[in-house]
Every structure is written in C-alpha cells, then in structure tokens.
C-alpha cells in the first residue's frame, strides 16, 4: 500500500488500519531524525520540556523540567519534581535539581 495524504482524522477513523505498522515505523524514524538534529537555539529560557527515551537515565523518561540556562551546546533544565539523585533540599523543602543536558534528550511540551 502506498501511503499519501494521510491525516490524523483518517488514522482515528480506521482508514489506515492495514498500514499502522508502516506509519508507526515512519513516524518513529522521523522523530529520531528530528531529535538528533536539535540545537540549543531551538529552546528558550522558560520553555517546558519532557525527557524522552534518548535519555540514558530511564527513570527520567516522561518527567518534566523547564529550561533555566544555556551552556554552549547544552541546556540547563530544572526538574519540576524531585526524583532520584536529582533532588535538592532548598529551605527545608525538596525540589527538583538542575541538570545539564544535550537538546536531543528533551522534547518541548506544548
């Protein structure tokens, strides 16, 4: 089956059920290309981001943070919630700590 003019509505309606595996593979490959091509300039201070599956620290997958700084080719993000070793005790309260990350392991949250 040659796939052209695929729409989200068509997928939701079941129009492409026989090709879902192909669509999923193509979407994952495209997502990987986009993640690998990201640059620090694609992000801004204050952006909300989510750790993706490129992050080697598996327990961070899906956790949110916000961009608080930029260091050359890396971003400084502060986790919204404390988790694992990424927790800091600030004024008697546990908070997410800052982490320096490459842009490929985080996705913008809309």
C-alpha atoms as a PDB file:
ATOM      1  CA  UNK A   1       0.000   0.000   0.000  1.00  0.00           C
ATOM      2  CA  UNK A   2       1.355   3.423  -0.950  1.00  0.00           C
ATOM      3  CA  UNK A   3       0.544   5.968   1.745  1.00  0.00           C
ATOM      4  CA  UNK A   4      -0.212   9.506   0.641  1.00  0.00           C
ATOM      5  CA  UNK A   5      -2.313  12.276   2.112  1.00  0.00           C
ATOM      6  CA  UNK A   6      -2.568  10.563   5.489  1.00  0.00           C
ATOM      7  CA  UNK A   7      -4.480  12.587   8.045  1.00  0.00           C
ATOM      8  CA  UNK A   8      -4.820  12.212  11.787  1.00  0.00           C
ATOM      9  CA  UNK A   9      -8.589  12.089  11.317  1.00  0.00           C
ATOM     10  CA  UNK A  10      -8.180   9.252   8.815  1.00  0.00           C
ATOM     11  CA  UNK A  11      -5.995   7.319  11.234  1.00  0.00           C
ATOM     12  CA  UNK A  12      -8.526   7.861  14.040  1.00  0.00           C
ATOM     13  CA  UNK A  13     -11.352   6.722  11.749  1.00  0.00           C
ATOM     14  CA  UNK A  14      -9.530   3.491  10.912  1.00  0.00           C
ATOM     15  CA  UNK A  15      -8.883   4.361   7.261  1.00  0.00           C
ATOM     16  CA  UNK A  16      -5.260   3.175   7.541  1.00  0.00           C
ATOM     17  CA  UNK A  17      -5.574   0.222   9.911  1.00  0.00           C
ATOM     18  CA  UNK A  18      -3.815  -2.118   7.498  1.00  0.00           C
ATOM     19  CA  UNK A  19      -0.815   0.230   7.355  1.00  0.00           C
ATOM     20  CA  UNK A  20      -0.494   1.238  11.017  1.00  0.00           C
ATOM     21  CA  UNK A  21       2.785  -0.664  11.445  1.00  0.00           C
ATOM     22  CA  UNK A  22       4.315   1.179   8.476  1.00  0.00           C
ATOM     23  CA  UNK A  23       3.034   4.513   9.757  1.00  0.00           C
ATOM     24  CA  UNK A  24       4.438   3.837  13.235  1.00  0.00           C
ATOM     25  CA  UNK A  25       7.870   2.902  11.866  1.00  0.00           C
ATOM     26  CA  UNK A  26       7.976   6.000   9.641  1.00  0.00           C
ATOM     27  CA  UNK A  27       6.860   8.254  12.500  1.00  0.00           C
ATOM     28  CA  UNK A  28       9.487   6.845  14.887  1.00  0.00           C
ATOM     29  CA  UNK A  29      12.245   7.257  12.295  1.00  0.00           C
ATOM     30  CA  UNK A  30      11.198  10.850  11.639  1.00  0.00           C
ATOM     31  CA  UNK A  31      11.027  11.597  15.362  1.00  0.00           C
ATOM     32  CA  UNK A  32      14.560  10.220  15.794  1.00  0.00           C
ATOM     33  CA  UNK A  33      15.846  12.401  12.933  1.00  0.00           C
ATOM     34  CA  UNK A  34      14.249  15.493  14.469  1.00  0.00           C
ATOM     35  CA  UNK A  35      15.641  14.778  17.930  1.00  0.00           C
ATOM     36  CA  UNK A  36      19.163  14.236  16.598  1.00  0.00           C
ATOM     37  CA  UNK A  37      19.037  17.482  14.602  1.00  0.00           C
ATOM     38  CA  UNK A  38      18.002  19.679  17.551  1.00  0.00           C
ATOM     39  CA  UNK A  39      20.179  22.575  18.578  1.00  0.00           C
ATOM     40  CA  UNK A  40      20.331  24.629  21.737  1.00  0.00           C
ATOM     41  CA  UNK A  41      18.870  27.543  19.772  1.00  0.00           C
ATOM     42  CA  UNK A  42      15.636  25.542  19.329  1.00  0.00           C
ATOM     43  CA  UNK A  43      14.912  26.140  23.030  1.00  0.00           C
ATOM     44  CA  UNK A  44      14.446  29.252  25.124  1.00  0.00           C
ATOM     45  CA  UNK A  45      14.724  30.096  28.787  1.00  0.00           C
ATOM     46  CA  UNK A  46      11.442  29.176  30.472  1.00  0.00           C
ATOM     47  CA  UNK A  47      10.426  26.509  27.946  1.00  0.00           C
ATOM     48  CA  UNK A  48       8.747  23.477  29.492  1.00  0.00           C
ATOM     49  CA  UNK A  49      10.339  20.234  28.333  1.00  0.00           C
ATOM     50  CA  UNK A  50       9.916  16.493  28.884  1.00  0.00           C
ATOM     51  CA  UNK A  51      12.688  13.894  28.981  1.00  0.00           C
ATOM     52  CA  UNK A  52      12.359  11.480  26.066  1.00  0.00           C
ATOM     53  CA  UNK A  53      13.612   7.936  25.525  1.00  0.00           C
ATOM     54  CA  UNK A  54      17.001   9.196  24.261  1.00  0.00           C
ATOM     55  CA  UNK A  55      17.793   9.997  27.901  1.00  0.00           C
ATOM     56  CA  UNK A  56      20.060   7.292  29.319  1.00  0.00           C
ATOM     57  CA  UNK A  57      18.621   7.738  32.809  1.00  0.00           C
ATOM     58  CA  UNK A  58      15.461   5.708  32.335  1.00  0.00           C
ATOM     59  CA  UNK A  59      13.665   6.923  35.465  1.00  0.00           C
ATOM     60  CA  UNK A  60      13.683  10.451  33.986  1.00  0.00           C
ATOM     61  CA  UNK A  61      11.698   9.406  30.879  1.00  0.00           C
ATOM     62  CA  UNK A  62       8.483  11.421  30.788  1.00  0.00           C
ATOM     63  CA  UNK A  63       9.437  13.778  33.619  1.00  0.00           C
ATOM     64  CA  UNK A  64       9.053  17.498  33.014  1.00  0.00           C
ATOM     65  CA  UNK A  65      11.500  20.311  33.577  1.00  0.00           C
ATOM     66  CA  UNK A  66      11.925  23.889  32.455  1.00  0.00           C
ATOM     67  CA  UNK A  67      14.907  25.451  30.740  1.00  0.00           C
ATOM     68  CA  UNK A  68      16.815  27.750  33.102  1.00  0.00           C
ATOM     69  CA  UNK A  69      20.078  28.277  31.249  1.00  0.00           C
ATOM     70  CA  UNK A  70      22.250  27.615  28.233  1.00  0.00           C
ATOM     71  CA  UNK A  71      25.854  26.336  28.228  1.00  0.00           C
ATOM     72  CA  UNK A  72      27.480  26.153  24.801  1.00  0.00           C
ATOM     73  CA  UNK A  73      25.872  23.078  23.188  1.00  0.00           C
ATOM     74  CA  UNK A  74      23.870  22.010  26.243  1.00  0.00           C
ATOM     75  CA  UNK A  75      20.860  23.220  28.173  1.00  0.00           C
ATOM     76  CA  UNK A  76      20.411  23.628  31.904  1.00  0.00           C
ATOM     77  CA  UNK A  77      16.996  22.369  32.975  1.00  0.00           C
ATOM     78  CA  UNK A  78      15.382  22.285  36.401  1.00  0.00           C
ATOM     79  CA  UNK A  79      13.192  19.309  37.157  1.00  0.00           C
ATOM     80  CA  UNK A  80       9.655  20.185  38.204  1.00  0.00           C
ATOM     81  CA  UNK A  81       9.638  17.424  40.822  1.00  0.00           C
ATOM     82  CA  UNK A  82      12.440  15.837  42.833  1.00  0.00           C
ATOM     83  CA  UNK A  83      13.344  12.347  41.651  1.00  0.00           C
ATOM     84  CA  UNK A  84      16.239  10.042  42.441  1.00  0.00           C
ATOM     85  CA  UNK A  85      19.568  11.788  42.713  1.00  0.00           C
ATOM     86  CA  UNK A  86      18.037  14.828  41.032  1.00  0.00           C
ATOM     87  CA  UNK A  87      16.569  16.245  44.215  1.00  0.00           C
ATOM     88  CA  UNK A  88      17.773  19.240  46.193  1.00  0.00           C
ATOM     89  CA  UNK A  89      16.848  20.351  49.691  1.00  0.00           C
ATOM     90  CA  UNK A  90      16.114  24.078  49.459  1.00  0.00           C
ATOM     91  CA  UNK A  91      14.966  25.959  52.578  1.00  0.00           C
ATOM     92  CA  UNK A  92      13.811  22.704  54.155  1.00  0.00           C
ATOM     93  CA  UNK A  93      11.783  21.653  51.097  1.00  0.00           C
ATOM     94  CA  UNK A  94      12.677  19.028  48.463  1.00  0.00           C
ATOM     95  CA  UNK A  95      12.797  20.383  44.911  1.00  0.00           C
ATOM     96  CA  UNK A  96      13.927  19.091  41.556  1.00  0.00           C
ATOM     97  CA  UNK A  97      17.546  19.945  40.890  1.00  0.00           C
ATOM     98  CA  UNK A  98      19.220  21.424  37.836  1.00  0.00           C
ATOM     99  CA  UNK A  99      20.628  19.105  35.184  1.00  0.00           C
ATOM    100  CA  UNK A 100      22.815  19.934  32.170  1.00  0.00           C
ATOM    101  CA  UNK A 101      21.549  18.029  29.108  1.00  0.00           C
ATOM    102  CA  UNK A 102      22.012  17.814  25.348  1.00  0.00           C
ATOM    103  CA  UNK A 103      18.989  19.031  23.363  1.00  0.00           C
ATOM    104  CA  UNK A 104      18.332  15.587  21.848  1.00  0.00           C
ATOM    105  CA  UNK A 105      17.087  14.046  25.123  1.00  0.00           C
ATOM    106  CA  UNK A 106      14.291  16.541  25.761  1.00  0.00           C
ATOM    107  CA  UNK A 107      11.113  17.398  23.868  1.00  0.00           C
ATOM    108  CA  UNK A 108       9.232  20.693  24.038  1.00  0.00           C
ATOM    109  CA  UNK A 109       5.877  20.455  25.813  1.00  0.00           C
ATOM    110  CA  UNK A 110       3.170  22.473  24.084  1.00  0.00           C
END
